[in-house]
N, C-alpha and C. Protein backbone atom coordinates (compact mmCIF):
# COMPACT_ATOMS: atom_id res chain seq x y z
N MET A 1 21.67 -3.27 -36.34
CA MET A 1 20.95 -3.21 -37.62
C MET A 1 21.95 -3.02 -38.76
N GLN A 2 21.65 -3.67 -39.88
CA GLN A 2 22.49 -3.53 -41.07
C GLN A 2 22.54 -2.07 -41.52
N ASN A 3 23.73 -1.59 -41.85
CA ASN A 3 23.90 -0.24 -42.36
C ASN A 3 23.15 -0.10 -43.68
N SER A 4 22.13 0.77 -43.70
CA SER A 4 21.28 0.88 -44.87
C SER A 4 22.04 1.35 -46.10
N SER A 5 23.14 2.07 -45.91
CA SER A 5 23.88 2.59 -47.06
C SER A 5 24.60 1.50 -47.83
N SER A 6 24.72 0.31 -47.24
CA SER A 6 25.43 -0.78 -47.91
C SER A 6 24.48 -1.82 -48.49
N ARG A 7 23.18 -1.61 -48.35
CA ARG A 7 22.19 -2.54 -48.87
C ARG A 7 21.74 -2.10 -50.25
N ALA A 8 21.53 -3.06 -51.12
CA ALA A 8 21.09 -2.73 -52.47
C ALA A 8 20.00 -3.70 -52.92
N VAL A 9 19.20 -3.23 -53.86
CA VAL A 9 18.32 -4.10 -54.62
C VAL A 9 18.73 -3.98 -56.08
N PHE A 10 19.15 -5.09 -56.65
CA PHE A 10 19.52 -5.14 -58.06
C PHE A 10 18.30 -5.56 -58.86
N LEU A 11 18.08 -4.90 -59.98
CA LEU A 11 16.88 -5.11 -60.77
C LEU A 11 17.22 -5.44 -62.21
N ASP A 12 16.69 -6.55 -62.68
CA ASP A 12 16.72 -6.77 -64.12
C ASP A 12 15.90 -5.67 -64.79
N LYS A 13 16.24 -5.36 -66.03
CA LYS A 13 15.53 -4.28 -66.73
C LYS A 13 14.30 -4.78 -67.47
N ASP A 14 14.49 -5.53 -68.55
CA ASP A 14 13.40 -5.90 -69.44
C ASP A 14 12.57 -7.04 -68.86
N GLY A 15 11.30 -6.77 -68.64
CA GLY A 15 10.41 -7.77 -68.08
C GLY A 15 10.28 -7.69 -66.57
N THR A 16 11.14 -6.93 -65.93
CA THR A 16 11.09 -6.75 -64.48
C THR A 16 10.78 -5.30 -64.13
N LEU A 17 11.60 -4.40 -64.62
CA LEU A 17 11.43 -2.98 -64.37
C LEU A 17 10.54 -2.34 -65.43
N VAL A 18 10.82 -2.64 -66.70
CA VAL A 18 10.02 -2.11 -67.81
C VAL A 18 9.52 -3.26 -68.67
N GLU A 19 8.46 -3.01 -69.40
CA GLU A 19 7.89 -4.04 -70.26
C GLU A 19 8.93 -4.53 -71.26
N ASN A 20 8.89 -5.82 -71.54
CA ASN A 20 9.89 -6.43 -72.40
C ASN A 20 9.59 -6.17 -73.88
N VAL A 21 10.32 -5.24 -74.47
CA VAL A 21 10.27 -4.98 -75.91
C VAL A 21 11.65 -5.40 -76.42
N PRO A 22 11.76 -6.53 -77.12
CA PRO A 22 13.08 -7.07 -77.47
C PRO A 22 13.99 -6.06 -78.17
N TYR A 23 15.20 -5.95 -77.64
CA TYR A 23 16.26 -5.12 -78.22
C TYR A 23 15.84 -3.66 -78.39
N ASN A 24 15.02 -3.18 -77.48
CA ASN A 24 14.55 -1.80 -77.61
C ASN A 24 15.51 -0.80 -76.96
N VAL A 25 15.86 0.25 -77.68
CA VAL A 25 16.62 1.38 -77.12
C VAL A 25 15.91 2.69 -77.41
N ASP A 26 14.65 2.63 -77.79
CA ASP A 26 13.85 3.83 -78.07
C ASP A 26 13.11 4.23 -76.80
N PRO A 27 13.47 5.34 -76.18
CA PRO A 27 12.82 5.74 -74.93
C PRO A 27 11.31 5.88 -75.04
N THR A 28 10.80 6.21 -76.22
CA THR A 28 9.35 6.40 -76.37
C THR A 28 8.58 5.08 -76.25
N LEU A 29 9.28 3.96 -76.34
CA LEU A 29 8.62 2.66 -76.24
C LEU A 29 8.75 2.05 -74.85
N ILE A 30 9.41 2.74 -73.94
CA ILE A 30 9.64 2.22 -72.60
C ILE A 30 8.40 2.46 -71.73
N ARG A 31 7.90 1.38 -71.13
CA ARG A 31 6.74 1.44 -70.24
C ARG A 31 7.08 0.68 -68.96
N TRP A 32 6.71 1.23 -67.81
CA TRP A 32 6.99 0.59 -66.53
C TRP A 32 6.15 -0.67 -66.38
N CYS A 33 6.73 -1.70 -65.80
CA CYS A 33 5.98 -2.90 -65.48
C CYS A 33 5.00 -2.61 -64.34
N GLU A 34 3.99 -3.44 -64.26
CA GLU A 34 3.01 -3.30 -63.19
C GLU A 34 3.70 -3.39 -61.83
N GLY A 35 3.38 -2.45 -60.96
CA GLY A 35 3.93 -2.45 -59.61
C GLY A 35 5.33 -1.90 -59.49
N ALA A 36 5.93 -1.49 -60.62
CA ALA A 36 7.34 -1.08 -60.57
C ALA A 36 7.54 0.18 -59.74
N ILE A 37 6.77 1.22 -60.02
CA ILE A 37 6.99 2.49 -59.32
C ILE A 37 6.67 2.35 -57.84
N ASP A 38 5.56 1.73 -57.50
CA ASP A 38 5.21 1.54 -56.08
C ASP A 38 6.29 0.74 -55.37
N GLY A 39 6.77 -0.33 -56.02
CA GLY A 39 7.79 -1.15 -55.39
C GLY A 39 9.10 -0.41 -55.20
N LEU A 40 9.53 0.32 -56.22
CA LEU A 40 10.78 1.08 -56.11
C LEU A 40 10.68 2.16 -55.05
N ARG A 41 9.54 2.79 -54.96
CA ARG A 41 9.37 3.83 -53.95
C ARG A 41 9.49 3.24 -52.55
N ARG A 42 8.88 2.11 -52.32
CA ARG A 42 9.00 1.45 -51.01
C ARG A 42 10.45 1.15 -50.69
N LEU A 43 11.15 0.58 -51.65
CA LEU A 43 12.53 0.17 -51.41
C LEU A 43 13.43 1.38 -51.18
N HIS A 44 13.24 2.43 -51.98
CA HIS A 44 14.05 3.63 -51.80
C HIS A 44 13.82 4.24 -50.43
N GLU A 45 12.57 4.37 -50.04
CA GLU A 45 12.28 5.02 -48.76
C GLU A 45 12.68 4.15 -47.57
N ALA A 46 12.89 2.86 -47.81
CA ALA A 46 13.41 1.99 -46.76
C ALA A 46 14.93 1.99 -46.70
N GLY A 47 15.58 2.70 -47.63
CA GLY A 47 17.03 2.88 -47.55
C GLY A 47 17.87 2.05 -48.49
N TYR A 48 17.24 1.29 -49.39
CA TYR A 48 18.01 0.47 -50.33
C TYR A 48 18.49 1.30 -51.52
N LYS A 49 19.73 1.06 -51.94
CA LYS A 49 20.20 1.62 -53.20
C LYS A 49 19.69 0.74 -54.33
N LEU A 50 19.29 1.36 -55.42
CA LEU A 50 18.67 0.64 -56.53
C LEU A 50 19.58 0.65 -57.75
N PHE A 51 19.79 -0.55 -58.31
CA PHE A 51 20.68 -0.70 -59.46
C PHE A 51 19.99 -1.53 -60.53
N VAL A 52 20.17 -1.13 -61.78
CA VAL A 52 19.74 -1.95 -62.91
C VAL A 52 20.91 -2.81 -63.35
N ILE A 53 20.64 -4.10 -63.54
CA ILE A 53 21.64 -5.07 -64.03
C ILE A 53 21.03 -5.76 -65.25
N THR A 54 21.57 -5.51 -66.44
CA THR A 54 20.87 -5.95 -67.64
C THR A 54 21.82 -6.51 -68.70
N ASN A 55 21.41 -7.60 -69.33
CA ASN A 55 22.09 -8.12 -70.52
C ASN A 55 21.58 -7.35 -71.74
N GLN A 56 22.50 -6.85 -72.54
CA GLN A 56 22.13 -6.09 -73.74
C GLN A 56 22.90 -6.64 -74.94
N SER A 57 22.56 -7.86 -75.32
CA SER A 57 23.29 -8.51 -76.41
C SER A 57 23.00 -7.89 -77.76
N GLY A 58 22.04 -6.97 -77.82
CA GLY A 58 21.79 -6.26 -79.07
C GLY A 58 23.01 -5.54 -79.59
N VAL A 59 23.90 -5.16 -78.69
CA VAL A 59 25.16 -4.53 -79.10
C VAL A 59 26.01 -5.54 -79.86
N ALA A 60 26.22 -6.71 -79.26
CA ALA A 60 27.03 -7.75 -79.90
C ALA A 60 26.40 -8.25 -81.19
N ARG A 61 25.09 -8.22 -81.26
CA ARG A 61 24.39 -8.72 -82.44
C ARG A 61 24.31 -7.67 -83.55
N GLY A 62 24.74 -6.45 -83.25
CA GLY A 62 24.73 -5.40 -84.26
C GLY A 62 23.39 -4.71 -84.43
N TYR A 63 22.49 -4.87 -83.45
CA TYR A 63 21.17 -4.26 -83.56
C TYR A 63 21.18 -2.78 -83.20
N PHE A 64 22.09 -2.38 -82.33
CA PHE A 64 22.23 -0.97 -81.96
C PHE A 64 23.62 -0.74 -81.40
N GLU A 65 24.03 0.53 -81.39
CA GLU A 65 25.35 0.90 -80.88
C GLU A 65 25.32 0.92 -79.35
N GLU A 66 26.48 0.67 -78.75
CA GLU A 66 26.56 0.71 -77.30
C GLU A 66 26.18 2.08 -76.75
N THR A 67 26.46 3.14 -77.51
CA THR A 67 26.13 4.49 -77.05
C THR A 67 24.63 4.68 -76.84
N ALA A 68 23.80 3.87 -77.50
CA ALA A 68 22.34 4.01 -77.33
C ALA A 68 21.91 3.68 -75.91
N LEU A 69 22.70 2.86 -75.21
CA LEU A 69 22.33 2.48 -73.85
C LEU A 69 22.46 3.65 -72.88
N ALA A 70 23.34 4.59 -73.19
CA ALA A 70 23.45 5.78 -72.35
C ALA A 70 22.17 6.60 -72.40
N ILE A 71 21.52 6.62 -73.55
CA ILE A 71 20.25 7.33 -73.69
C ILE A 71 19.16 6.64 -72.87
N VAL A 72 19.15 5.30 -72.92
CA VAL A 72 18.20 4.54 -72.12
C VAL A 72 18.41 4.80 -70.64
N GLU A 73 19.65 4.75 -70.21
CA GLU A 73 19.97 5.00 -68.80
C GLU A 73 19.50 6.38 -68.38
N GLN A 74 19.80 7.38 -69.17
CA GLN A 74 19.39 8.75 -68.84
C GLN A 74 17.88 8.85 -68.75
N HIS A 75 17.18 8.21 -69.67
CA HIS A 75 15.73 8.25 -69.67
C HIS A 75 15.16 7.63 -68.39
N LEU A 76 15.67 6.45 -68.03
CA LEU A 76 15.18 5.80 -66.82
C LEU A 76 15.43 6.65 -65.58
N MET A 77 16.62 7.23 -65.50
CA MET A 77 16.95 8.06 -64.34
C MET A 77 16.05 9.29 -64.26
N GLN A 78 15.80 9.92 -65.40
CA GLN A 78 14.96 11.11 -65.41
C GLN A 78 13.52 10.78 -65.05
N GLU A 79 13.02 9.68 -65.59
CA GLU A 79 11.65 9.29 -65.30
C GLU A 79 11.48 8.92 -63.82
N LEU A 80 12.41 8.17 -63.28
CA LEU A 80 12.33 7.80 -61.88
C LEU A 80 12.46 9.01 -60.97
N ALA A 81 13.28 9.97 -61.37
CA ALA A 81 13.47 11.18 -60.56
C ALA A 81 12.15 11.93 -60.39
N GLN A 82 11.27 11.82 -61.37
CA GLN A 82 9.97 12.49 -61.26
C GLN A 82 9.12 11.89 -60.14
N PHE A 83 9.42 10.65 -59.78
CA PHE A 83 8.73 10.00 -58.67
C PHE A 83 9.53 10.09 -57.37
N GLY A 84 10.63 10.81 -57.40
CA GLY A 84 11.48 10.93 -56.22
C GLY A 84 12.30 9.69 -55.93
N ILE A 85 12.58 8.91 -56.98
CA ILE A 85 13.31 7.66 -56.81
C ILE A 85 14.65 7.77 -57.53
N PRO A 86 15.77 7.79 -56.81
CA PRO A 86 17.08 7.84 -57.47
C PRO A 86 17.54 6.45 -57.89
N LEU A 87 18.15 6.37 -59.04
CA LEU A 87 18.77 5.14 -59.52
C LEU A 87 20.26 5.26 -59.26
N ALA A 88 20.78 4.37 -58.43
CA ALA A 88 22.18 4.48 -58.01
C ALA A 88 23.16 4.02 -59.08
N GLY A 89 22.70 3.19 -60.02
CA GLY A 89 23.62 2.72 -61.05
C GLY A 89 22.89 1.92 -62.12
N PHE A 90 23.47 1.93 -63.32
CA PHE A 90 22.93 1.20 -64.48
C PHE A 90 24.08 0.43 -65.08
N TYR A 91 24.05 -0.89 -64.91
CA TYR A 91 25.14 -1.74 -65.37
C TYR A 91 24.61 -2.69 -66.45
N TYR A 92 25.35 -2.77 -67.54
CA TYR A 92 24.89 -3.62 -68.64
C TYR A 92 26.04 -4.43 -69.21
N CYS A 93 25.67 -5.58 -69.77
CA CYS A 93 26.62 -6.42 -70.50
C CYS A 93 26.28 -6.33 -71.98
N PRO A 94 27.22 -5.86 -72.82
CA PRO A 94 26.96 -5.75 -74.25
C PRO A 94 27.39 -6.98 -75.04
N HIS A 95 27.84 -8.01 -74.36
CA HIS A 95 28.49 -9.14 -75.03
C HIS A 95 27.52 -10.28 -75.36
N HIS A 96 27.94 -11.11 -76.30
CA HIS A 96 27.30 -12.41 -76.54
C HIS A 96 28.28 -13.24 -77.36
N PRO A 97 28.53 -14.47 -76.93
CA PRO A 97 29.55 -15.27 -77.64
C PRO A 97 29.19 -15.55 -79.10
N GLU A 98 27.91 -15.44 -79.46
CA GLU A 98 27.49 -15.67 -80.84
C GLU A 98 27.20 -14.36 -81.57
N GLY A 99 27.70 -13.26 -81.05
CA GLY A 99 27.48 -11.97 -81.67
C GLY A 99 28.18 -11.84 -83.02
N THR A 100 27.79 -10.80 -83.74
CA THR A 100 28.38 -10.54 -85.07
C THR A 100 29.36 -9.39 -85.06
N ILE A 101 29.46 -8.66 -83.95
CA ILE A 101 30.39 -7.54 -83.82
C ILE A 101 31.59 -8.03 -83.02
N ALA A 102 32.71 -8.16 -83.69
CA ALA A 102 33.86 -8.87 -83.13
C ALA A 102 34.26 -8.46 -81.71
N PRO A 103 34.40 -7.17 -81.40
CA PRO A 103 34.85 -6.83 -80.05
C PRO A 103 33.90 -7.30 -78.94
N TYR A 104 32.65 -7.54 -79.30
CA TYR A 104 31.64 -7.92 -78.30
C TYR A 104 31.29 -9.40 -78.34
N ALA A 105 31.77 -10.11 -79.33
CA ALA A 105 31.43 -11.53 -79.50
C ALA A 105 32.38 -12.39 -78.67
N ILE A 106 32.22 -12.31 -77.37
CA ILE A 106 33.13 -13.00 -76.46
C ILE A 106 32.34 -13.63 -75.31
N ASN A 107 32.98 -14.61 -74.67
CA ASN A 107 32.51 -15.07 -73.37
C ASN A 107 33.04 -14.10 -72.31
N CYS A 108 32.20 -13.78 -71.36
CA CYS A 108 32.59 -12.77 -70.37
C CYS A 108 32.05 -13.18 -69.00
N ASN A 109 32.43 -12.42 -68.00
CA ASN A 109 31.93 -12.70 -66.65
C ASN A 109 30.86 -11.70 -66.23
N CYS A 110 30.37 -10.90 -67.20
CA CYS A 110 29.35 -9.90 -66.85
C CYS A 110 27.97 -10.24 -67.41
N ARG A 111 27.90 -11.22 -68.31
CA ARG A 111 26.60 -11.59 -68.86
C ARG A 111 25.89 -12.55 -67.89
N LYS A 112 24.74 -12.14 -67.40
CA LYS A 112 23.98 -13.03 -66.51
C LYS A 112 23.71 -14.36 -67.22
N PRO A 113 23.91 -15.48 -66.53
CA PRO A 113 23.91 -15.66 -65.07
C PRO A 113 25.25 -15.47 -64.37
N GLU A 114 26.27 -15.00 -65.06
CA GLU A 114 27.52 -14.68 -64.37
C GLU A 114 27.31 -13.46 -63.47
N PRO A 115 28.03 -13.35 -62.36
CA PRO A 115 27.77 -12.29 -61.38
C PRO A 115 28.62 -11.04 -61.54
N GLY A 116 29.35 -10.93 -62.66
CA GLY A 116 30.34 -9.85 -62.77
C GLY A 116 29.81 -8.45 -62.55
N LEU A 117 28.63 -8.14 -63.07
CA LEU A 117 28.11 -6.78 -62.92
C LEU A 117 27.74 -6.48 -61.47
N LEU A 118 27.22 -7.47 -60.77
CA LEU A 118 26.88 -7.26 -59.36
C LEU A 118 28.14 -7.06 -58.53
N LEU A 119 29.18 -7.84 -58.84
CA LEU A 119 30.44 -7.69 -58.11
C LEU A 119 31.06 -6.33 -58.39
N GLN A 120 30.95 -5.87 -59.62
CA GLN A 120 31.46 -4.55 -59.97
C GLN A 120 30.72 -3.46 -59.21
N ALA A 121 29.40 -3.55 -59.20
CA ALA A 121 28.60 -2.55 -58.48
C ALA A 121 28.92 -2.55 -56.99
N ALA A 122 29.08 -3.75 -56.44
CA ALA A 122 29.39 -3.85 -55.01
C ALA A 122 30.71 -3.20 -54.67
N GLU A 123 31.70 -3.39 -55.54
CA GLU A 123 33.02 -2.80 -55.30
C GLU A 123 32.97 -1.28 -55.44
N GLU A 124 32.27 -0.81 -56.44
CA GLU A 124 32.24 0.63 -56.71
C GLU A 124 31.37 1.41 -55.73
N HIS A 125 30.42 0.72 -55.10
CA HIS A 125 29.50 1.42 -54.20
C HIS A 125 29.55 0.90 -52.77
N GLN A 126 30.54 0.09 -52.45
CA GLN A 126 30.72 -0.45 -51.10
C GLN A 126 29.43 -1.10 -50.58
N LEU A 127 28.94 -2.09 -51.33
CA LEU A 127 27.69 -2.76 -51.00
C LEU A 127 27.96 -4.08 -50.28
N ASP A 128 27.05 -4.44 -49.41
CA ASP A 128 27.07 -5.72 -48.74
C ASP A 128 26.16 -6.66 -49.52
N LEU A 129 26.74 -7.54 -50.32
CA LEU A 129 25.94 -8.39 -51.19
C LEU A 129 25.06 -9.36 -50.39
N ALA A 130 25.54 -9.81 -49.25
CA ALA A 130 24.75 -10.73 -48.44
C ALA A 130 23.50 -10.05 -47.88
N ALA A 131 23.52 -8.74 -47.77
CA ALA A 131 22.37 -7.99 -47.27
C ALA A 131 21.53 -7.42 -48.40
N SER A 132 21.87 -7.79 -49.63
CA SER A 132 21.21 -7.23 -50.81
C SER A 132 20.35 -8.27 -51.50
N TRP A 133 19.60 -7.81 -52.49
CA TRP A 133 18.63 -8.65 -53.20
C TRP A 133 18.79 -8.48 -54.71
N PHE A 134 18.41 -9.52 -55.44
CA PHE A 134 18.29 -9.42 -56.89
C PHE A 134 16.88 -9.83 -57.29
N ILE A 135 16.22 -8.95 -58.06
CA ILE A 135 14.87 -9.21 -58.56
C ILE A 135 14.92 -9.33 -60.07
N GLY A 136 14.42 -10.43 -60.60
CA GLY A 136 14.40 -10.61 -62.04
C GLY A 136 13.23 -11.46 -62.48
N ASP A 137 13.09 -11.63 -63.79
CA ASP A 137 11.95 -12.37 -64.33
C ASP A 137 12.34 -13.68 -65.01
N ILE A 138 13.64 -14.01 -65.02
CA ILE A 138 14.09 -15.29 -65.56
C ILE A 138 15.14 -15.88 -64.62
N LEU A 139 15.41 -17.17 -64.80
CA LEU A 139 16.30 -17.86 -63.87
C LEU A 139 17.77 -17.46 -64.04
N HIS A 140 18.14 -16.89 -65.17
CA HIS A 140 19.50 -16.33 -65.30
C HIS A 140 19.70 -15.21 -64.28
N ASP A 141 18.65 -14.44 -64.01
CA ASP A 141 18.74 -13.39 -62.99
C ASP A 141 18.98 -14.00 -61.62
N VAL A 142 18.23 -15.05 -61.33
CA VAL A 142 18.40 -15.75 -60.06
C VAL A 142 19.81 -16.31 -59.94
N GLY A 143 20.31 -16.91 -61.03
CA GLY A 143 21.65 -17.46 -61.01
C GLY A 143 22.71 -16.42 -60.73
N ALA A 144 22.57 -15.25 -61.35
CA ALA A 144 23.53 -14.17 -61.12
C ALA A 144 23.47 -13.69 -59.68
N GLY A 145 22.26 -13.53 -59.16
CA GLY A 145 22.11 -13.07 -57.79
C GLY A 145 22.70 -14.04 -56.79
N ARG A 146 22.40 -15.32 -56.97
CA ARG A 146 22.94 -16.33 -56.05
C ARG A 146 24.46 -16.41 -56.15
N ALA A 147 24.99 -16.33 -57.36
CA ALA A 147 26.44 -16.42 -57.53
C ALA A 147 27.15 -15.26 -56.85
N ALA A 148 26.47 -14.13 -56.75
CA ALA A 148 27.06 -12.96 -56.08
C ALA A 148 26.83 -12.98 -54.58
N GLY A 149 26.02 -13.91 -54.10
CA GLY A 149 25.76 -14.01 -52.67
C GLY A 149 24.54 -13.25 -52.21
N CYS A 150 23.69 -12.82 -53.15
CA CYS A 150 22.47 -12.09 -52.81
C CYS A 150 21.31 -13.04 -52.55
N ARG A 151 20.28 -12.52 -51.92
CA ARG A 151 19.00 -13.20 -51.89
C ARG A 151 18.25 -12.84 -53.18
N THR A 152 17.38 -13.74 -53.63
CA THR A 152 16.80 -13.56 -54.95
C THR A 152 15.28 -13.68 -54.93
N ILE A 153 14.66 -12.94 -55.85
CA ILE A 153 13.21 -13.01 -56.04
C ILE A 153 12.94 -13.12 -57.54
N LEU A 154 12.13 -14.09 -57.91
CA LEU A 154 11.73 -14.25 -59.30
C LEU A 154 10.31 -13.73 -59.47
N ILE A 155 10.13 -12.82 -60.42
CA ILE A 155 8.80 -12.37 -60.80
C ILE A 155 8.26 -13.36 -61.83
N ASP A 156 7.24 -14.08 -61.46
CA ASP A 156 6.68 -15.12 -62.33
C ASP A 156 5.62 -14.50 -63.23
N ASN A 157 6.08 -13.94 -64.34
CA ASN A 157 5.17 -13.26 -65.26
C ASN A 157 5.11 -13.92 -66.64
N GLY A 158 5.65 -15.12 -66.73
CA GLY A 158 5.60 -15.86 -67.97
C GLY A 158 6.83 -15.71 -68.84
N ASN A 159 7.77 -14.88 -68.47
CA ASN A 159 8.96 -14.66 -69.30
C ASN A 159 9.97 -15.80 -69.21
N GLU A 160 9.98 -16.51 -68.09
CA GLU A 160 10.83 -17.69 -68.00
C GLU A 160 10.08 -18.87 -68.62
N THR A 161 10.67 -19.48 -69.63
CA THR A 161 9.99 -20.55 -70.36
C THR A 161 10.72 -21.90 -70.26
N GLU A 162 11.97 -21.91 -69.79
CA GLU A 162 12.74 -23.15 -69.76
C GLU A 162 12.62 -23.88 -68.42
N TRP A 163 12.66 -23.15 -67.31
CA TRP A 163 12.53 -23.72 -65.97
C TRP A 163 13.52 -24.86 -65.73
N LYS A 164 14.77 -24.63 -66.13
CA LYS A 164 15.84 -25.57 -65.82
C LYS A 164 16.36 -25.24 -64.43
N LEU A 165 15.79 -25.92 -63.44
CA LEU A 165 16.09 -25.60 -62.05
C LEU A 165 17.32 -26.36 -61.57
N SER A 166 18.05 -25.71 -60.69
CA SER A 166 19.17 -26.29 -59.97
C SER A 166 19.31 -25.49 -58.69
N PRO A 167 20.09 -25.95 -57.74
CA PRO A 167 20.24 -25.17 -56.51
C PRO A 167 20.68 -23.73 -56.78
N GLN A 168 21.51 -23.52 -57.80
CA GLN A 168 22.02 -22.19 -58.10
C GLN A 168 20.99 -21.33 -58.82
N ARG A 169 19.96 -21.96 -59.38
CA ARG A 169 18.94 -21.22 -60.13
C ARG A 169 17.59 -21.22 -59.43
N LEU A 170 17.56 -21.63 -58.19
CA LEU A 170 16.30 -21.70 -57.46
C LEU A 170 16.08 -20.39 -56.71
N PRO A 171 15.02 -19.65 -57.03
CA PRO A 171 14.81 -18.37 -56.35
C PRO A 171 14.43 -18.57 -54.88
N HIS A 172 14.81 -17.62 -54.08
CA HIS A 172 14.42 -17.67 -52.67
C HIS A 172 12.92 -17.40 -52.52
N HIS A 173 12.38 -16.56 -53.39
CA HIS A 173 10.96 -16.20 -53.32
C HIS A 173 10.40 -16.03 -54.72
N LEU A 174 9.10 -16.26 -54.86
CA LEU A 174 8.41 -16.15 -56.14
C LEU A 174 7.22 -15.21 -55.94
N VAL A 175 7.12 -14.17 -56.78
CA VAL A 175 6.06 -13.18 -56.63
C VAL A 175 5.47 -12.83 -58.00
N SER A 176 4.45 -11.97 -57.98
CA SER A 176 3.74 -11.63 -59.21
C SER A 176 4.22 -10.35 -59.86
N ASP A 177 4.78 -9.41 -59.09
CA ASP A 177 5.25 -8.16 -59.67
C ASP A 177 6.25 -7.50 -58.73
N LEU A 178 6.75 -6.35 -59.15
CA LEU A 178 7.82 -5.68 -58.41
C LEU A 178 7.35 -5.14 -57.06
N ASP A 179 6.11 -4.69 -56.99
CA ASP A 179 5.61 -4.21 -55.70
C ASP A 179 5.51 -5.36 -54.71
N ALA A 180 5.07 -6.51 -55.17
CA ALA A 180 5.02 -7.68 -54.29
C ALA A 180 6.42 -8.08 -53.84
N ALA A 181 7.40 -7.96 -54.73
CA ALA A 181 8.78 -8.25 -54.37
C ALA A 181 9.26 -7.31 -53.27
N ALA A 182 8.94 -6.04 -53.42
CA ALA A 182 9.35 -5.05 -52.40
C ALA A 182 8.74 -5.38 -51.05
N ARG A 183 7.48 -5.80 -51.04
CA ARG A 183 6.83 -6.14 -49.78
C ARG A 183 7.49 -7.34 -49.12
N VAL A 184 7.89 -8.32 -49.93
CA VAL A 184 8.59 -9.48 -49.38
C VAL A 184 9.91 -9.06 -48.75
N ILE A 185 10.66 -8.23 -49.46
CA ILE A 185 11.96 -7.78 -48.96
C ILE A 185 11.80 -7.04 -47.63
N LEU A 186 10.87 -6.13 -47.58
CA LEU A 186 10.69 -5.34 -46.36
C LEU A 186 10.17 -6.20 -45.21
N ALA A 187 9.30 -7.15 -45.51
CA ALA A 187 8.79 -8.03 -44.45
C ALA A 187 9.90 -8.88 -43.85
N ILE A 188 10.85 -9.31 -44.69
CA ILE A 188 11.94 -10.15 -44.21
C ILE A 188 13.02 -9.34 -43.50
N ASP A 189 13.40 -8.23 -44.09
CA ASP A 189 14.47 -7.43 -43.50
C ASP A 189 14.01 -6.63 -42.29
N TYR A 190 12.71 -6.34 -42.21
CA TYR A 190 12.16 -5.57 -41.10
C TYR A 190 10.96 -6.29 -40.50
N PRO A 191 11.19 -7.43 -39.85
CA PRO A 191 10.07 -8.26 -39.37
C PRO A 191 9.25 -7.60 -38.28
N ASP A 192 9.77 -6.55 -37.63
CA ASP A 192 9.02 -5.90 -36.57
C ASP A 192 7.91 -5.03 -37.10
N VAL A 193 7.91 -4.75 -38.41
CA VAL A 193 6.83 -3.98 -39.01
C VAL A 193 5.73 -4.94 -39.41
N SER A 194 4.54 -4.76 -38.85
CA SER A 194 3.46 -5.70 -39.10
C SER A 194 2.90 -5.54 -40.51
N LEU A 195 2.43 -6.62 -41.07
CA LEU A 195 1.79 -6.62 -42.39
C LEU A 195 0.28 -6.49 -42.22
N PRO A 196 -0.46 -5.89 -43.17
CA PRO A 196 0.07 -5.41 -44.44
C PRO A 196 1.02 -4.24 -44.25
N PHE A 197 2.07 -4.24 -45.03
CA PHE A 197 3.14 -3.27 -44.85
C PHE A 197 2.62 -1.86 -45.13
N PRO A 198 2.99 -0.87 -44.31
CA PRO A 198 2.51 0.49 -44.53
C PRO A 198 3.06 1.08 -45.82
N SER A 199 2.38 2.07 -46.29
CA SER A 199 2.86 2.76 -47.48
C SER A 199 4.20 3.41 -47.17
N PRO A 200 5.04 3.64 -48.18
CA PRO A 200 6.38 4.17 -47.92
C PRO A 200 6.38 5.46 -47.11
N SER A 201 5.40 6.32 -47.32
CA SER A 201 5.40 7.60 -46.62
C SER A 201 5.20 7.45 -45.12
N THR A 202 4.65 6.29 -44.68
CA THR A 202 4.43 6.08 -43.26
C THR A 202 5.47 5.15 -42.64
N LEU A 203 6.45 4.76 -43.41
CA LEU A 203 7.50 3.88 -42.90
C LEU A 203 8.29 4.61 -41.82
N PRO A 204 8.40 4.02 -40.63
CA PRO A 204 9.14 4.70 -39.55
C PRO A 204 10.55 5.05 -39.97
N ALA A 205 11.04 6.17 -39.48
CA ALA A 205 12.36 6.65 -39.88
C ALA A 205 13.46 5.64 -39.57
N ILE A 206 13.26 4.85 -38.53
CA ILE A 206 14.30 3.88 -38.14
C ILE A 206 14.51 2.85 -39.23
N TYR A 207 13.53 2.67 -40.10
CA TYR A 207 13.64 1.67 -41.16
C TYR A 207 14.08 2.26 -42.49
N ARG A 208 14.51 3.52 -42.49
CA ARG A 208 14.90 4.15 -43.75
C ARG A 208 16.41 4.13 -43.89
């Protein structure tokens, strides 16, 4: 069996984990997406490390300071902790080649669909990318996940509007929300557990 400590689920932030409020860094406006908490709880109790991977071009565009993202990260970690769900890491790209803040107005390898943030997380946390997953709501998320060697799930919630498909941007699975994504992951990685998948609290210890 794959070592559970090396498996991860990477999560896009806006539109996947929390409701998409453009360029928001105000914790009071953060709301969980439908199915997010149930899905994260399932994944955590099954042994996956959870990471946020997010593009934050608002820094490059001058909409907010990079330091504001530390507040967002702290808020997400504190809120998830109340549900018993640890967040293993929060990785963001502050860049955009058309930004107005010179140090951030660059092409980089960390802005999705580039895989830089996933590769960084894998190196820092000794993750097996081939045994890991990326869940997002647009095809740039899928592209980043595939480029890093992960399996990918697209949440089809209307946020992807271009649908420029290619082999590198084709999701492995398509679902309606984060809880459905978690069920797909667990059904594939643990096929001996019959569906409908049990609630996380009843998941056998061997699968944690």
